[in-house]
Amino acid sequence: MAAEGRSALWRQIQADVYDHDVEVLEAEEGAAYGAALFAGVGVGQWSTVDEACDRVVRVSGTVTPVAAHVDILRARYDRFRTLYAALHPAR
């Protein structure tokens, strides 16, 4: 897993941008872990991906969005959309 995925700052930024809780998993293998779960479903270890996740994926913590950050990000995104539309008119 890339270092960014373990960064508390990066997880907070994600939670703020998404305005949604971000769950931190115990497993640090990332894509390889997901591939192993898909393989397990493929060979019949679990009947669905949801079942595989319910059985083996463990959450070690949750990062909650900070309302003040969310408000700032929304305002800045609104400004970006206005500027982008003005600088790139429809053709």
C-alpha atoms as a PDB file:
ATOM      1  CA  MET A   1       0.000   0.000   0.000  1.00  0.00           C
ATOM      2  CA  ALA A   2       1.298   3.449  -0.798  1.00  0.00           C
ATOM      3  CA  ALA A   3       2.442   5.598   2.088  1.00  0.00           C
ATOM      4  CA  GLU A   4      -0.410   8.029   1.406  1.00  0.00           C
ATOM      5  CA  GLY A   5      -2.901   5.370   2.504  1.00  0.00           C
ATOM      6  CA  ARG A   6      -1.305   5.211   5.963  1.00  0.00           C
ATOM      7  CA  SER A   7      -1.140   8.964   6.395  1.00  0.00           C
ATOM      8  CA  ALA A   8      -3.552  10.325   8.997  1.00  0.00           C
ATOM      9  CA  LEU A   9      -3.558  13.665   7.154  1.00  0.00           C
ATOM     10  CA  TRP A  10      -4.462  12.028   3.842  1.00  0.00           C
ATOM     11  CA  ARG A  11      -7.311  10.050   5.455  1.00  0.00           C
ATOM     12  CA  GLN A  12      -8.629  13.273   7.024  1.00  0.00           C
ATOM     13  CA  ILE A  13      -8.488  15.047   3.661  1.00  0.00           C
ATOM     14  CA  GLN A  14     -10.438  12.180   2.079  1.00  0.00           C
ATOM     15  CA  ALA A  15     -13.103  12.285   4.800  1.00  0.00           C
ATOM     16  CA  ASP A  16     -13.428  16.051   4.408  1.00  0.00           C
ATOM     17  CA  VAL A  17     -13.605  15.967   0.594  1.00  0.00           C
ATOM     18  CA  TYR A  18     -16.132  13.089   0.575  1.00  0.00           C
ATOM     19  CA  ASP A  19     -18.009  14.529   3.590  1.00  0.00           C
ATOM     20  CA  HIS A  20     -18.237  10.933   4.732  1.00  0.00           C
ATOM     21  CA  ASP A  21     -16.597   8.751   7.351  1.00  0.00           C
ATOM     22  CA  VAL A  22     -13.477   6.922   6.123  1.00  0.00           C
ATOM     23  CA  GLU A  23     -12.842   3.519   7.646  1.00  0.00           C
ATOM     24  CA  VAL A  24      -9.251   2.480   8.311  1.00  0.00           C
ATOM     25  CA  LEU A  25      -8.657  -1.228   7.777  1.00  0.00           C
ATOM     26  CA  GLU A  26      -6.379  -3.440   9.831  1.00  0.00           C
ATOM     27  CA  ALA A  27      -4.911  -4.970   6.662  1.00  0.00           C
ATOM     28  CA  GLU A  28      -2.287  -2.860   4.929  1.00  0.00           C
ATOM     29  CA  GLU A  29      -1.943  -5.010   1.802  1.00  0.00           C
ATOM     30  CA  GLY A  30      -4.373  -2.909  -0.235  1.00  0.00           C
ATOM     31  CA  ALA A  31      -4.959  -4.168  -3.758  1.00  0.00           C
ATOM     32  CA  ALA A  32      -3.359  -7.565  -3.079  1.00  0.00           C
ATOM     33  CA  TYR A  33      -5.758  -8.126  -0.187  1.00  0.00           C
ATOM     34  CA  GLY A  34      -8.719  -7.304  -2.409  1.00  0.00           C
ATOM     35  CA  ALA A  35      -7.403  -9.608  -5.132  1.00  0.00           C
ATOM     36  CA  ALA A  36      -7.126 -12.424  -2.594  1.00  0.00           C
ATOM     37  CA  LEU A  37     -10.752 -11.875  -1.575  1.00  0.00           C
ATOM     38  CA  PHE A  38     -11.867 -11.992  -5.222  1.00  0.00           C
ATOM     39  CA  ALA A  39      -9.857 -15.190  -5.695  1.00  0.00           C
ATOM     40  CA  GLY A  40     -11.514 -16.704  -2.645  1.00  0.00           C
ATOM     41  CA  VAL A  41     -14.930 -15.950  -4.123  1.00  0.00           C
ATOM     42  CA  GLY A  42     -13.768 -17.345  -7.479  1.00  0.00           C
ATOM     43  CA  VAL A  43     -12.774 -20.691  -5.981  1.00  0.00           C
ATOM     44  CA  GLY A  44     -15.894 -20.919  -3.820  1.00  0.00           C
ATOM     45  CA  GLN A  45     -14.416 -20.102  -0.408  1.00  0.00           C
ATOM     46  CA  TRP A  46     -17.167 -17.479  -0.105  1.00  0.00           C
ATOM     47  CA  SER A  47     -20.283 -17.175  -2.235  1.00  0.00           C
ATOM     48  CA  THR A  48     -20.108 -13.380  -2.686  1.00  0.00           C
ATOM     49  CA  VAL A  49     -17.660 -10.526  -2.270  1.00  0.00           C
ATOM     50  CA  ASP A  50     -19.922  -9.105   0.448  1.00  0.00           C
ATOM     51  CA  GLU A  51     -19.679 -12.371   2.367  1.00  0.00           C
ATOM     52  CA  ALA A  52     -15.886 -12.432   1.999  1.00  0.00           C
ATOM     53  CA  CYS A  53     -15.631  -8.872   3.306  1.00  0.00           C
ATOM     54  CA  ASP A  54     -17.998  -9.569   6.196  1.00  0.00           C
ATOM     55  CA  ARG A  55     -15.891 -12.572   7.212  1.00  0.00           C
ATOM     56  CA  VAL A  56     -12.348 -11.214   6.969  1.00  0.00           C
ATOM     57  CA  VAL A  57     -12.160  -7.426   6.619  1.00  0.00           C
ATOM     58  CA  ARG A  58     -11.602  -5.699   9.962  1.00  0.00           C
ATOM     59  CA  VAL A  59     -11.878  -1.964  10.615  1.00  0.00           C
ATOM     60  CA  SER A  60      -9.310  -0.552  13.031  1.00  0.00           C
ATOM     61  CA  GLY A  61     -10.667   3.004  13.145  1.00  0.00           C
ATOM     62  CA  THR A  62     -12.840   5.651  11.563  1.00  0.00           C
ATOM     63  CA  VAL A  63     -11.962   9.165  10.434  1.00  0.00           C
ATOM     64  CA  THR A  64     -14.878  11.590  10.631  1.00  0.00           C
ATOM     65  CA  PRO A  65     -15.096  14.676   8.403  1.00  0.00           C
ATOM     66  CA  VAL A  66     -14.539  18.041  10.070  1.00  0.00           C
ATOM     67  CA  ALA A  67     -17.566  20.242   9.320  1.00  0.00           C
ATOM     68  CA  ALA A  68     -15.510  23.438   9.032  1.00  0.00           C
ATOM     69  CA  HIS A  69     -13.201  21.785   6.482  1.00  0.00           C
ATOM     70  CA  VAL A  70     -16.168  20.468   4.502  1.00  0.00           C
ATOM     71  CA  ASP A  71     -17.692  23.960   4.342  1.00  0.00           C
ATOM     72  CA  ILE A  72     -14.431  25.485   3.087  1.00  0.00           C
ATOM     73  CA  LEU A  73     -13.967  22.763   0.469  1.00  0.00           C
ATOM     74  CA  ARG A  74     -17.537  23.191  -0.812  1.00  0.00           C
ATOM     75  CA  ALA A  75     -17.104  26.956  -1.122  1.00  0.00           C
ATOM     76  CA  ARG A  76     -13.804  26.556  -2.965  1.00  0.00           C
ATOM     77  CA  TYR A  77     -15.260  23.921  -5.280  1.00  0.00           C
ATOM     78  CA  ASP A  78     -18.180  26.211  -6.109  1.00  0.00           C
ATOM     79  CA  ARG A  79     -15.687  28.959  -6.947  1.00  0.00           C
ATOM     80  CA  PHE A  80     -13.678  26.541  -9.108  1.00  0.00           C
ATOM     81  CA  ARG A  81     -16.785  25.490 -11.058  1.00  0.00           C
ATOM     82  CA  THR A  82     -17.710  29.130 -11.702  1.00  0.00           C
ATOM     83  CA  LEU A  83     -14.207  30.016 -12.883  1.00  0.00           C
ATOM     84  CA  TYR A  84     -13.868  26.873 -14.972  1.00  0.00           C
ATOM     85  CA  ALA A  85     -17.140  27.560 -16.792  1.00  0.00           C
ATOM     86  CA  ALA A  86     -16.076  31.154 -17.463  1.00  0.00           C
ATOM     87  CA  LEU A  87     -12.663  30.130 -18.785  1.00  0.00           C
ATOM     88  CA  HIS A  88     -13.889  27.163 -20.862  1.00  0.00           C
ATOM     89  CA  PRO A  89     -17.113  28.189 -22.588  1.00  0.00           C
ATOM     90  CA  ALA A  90     -19.211  25.504 -24.246  1.00  0.00           C
ATOM     91  CA  ARG A  91     -18.216  24.932 -27.871  1.00  0.00           C
END
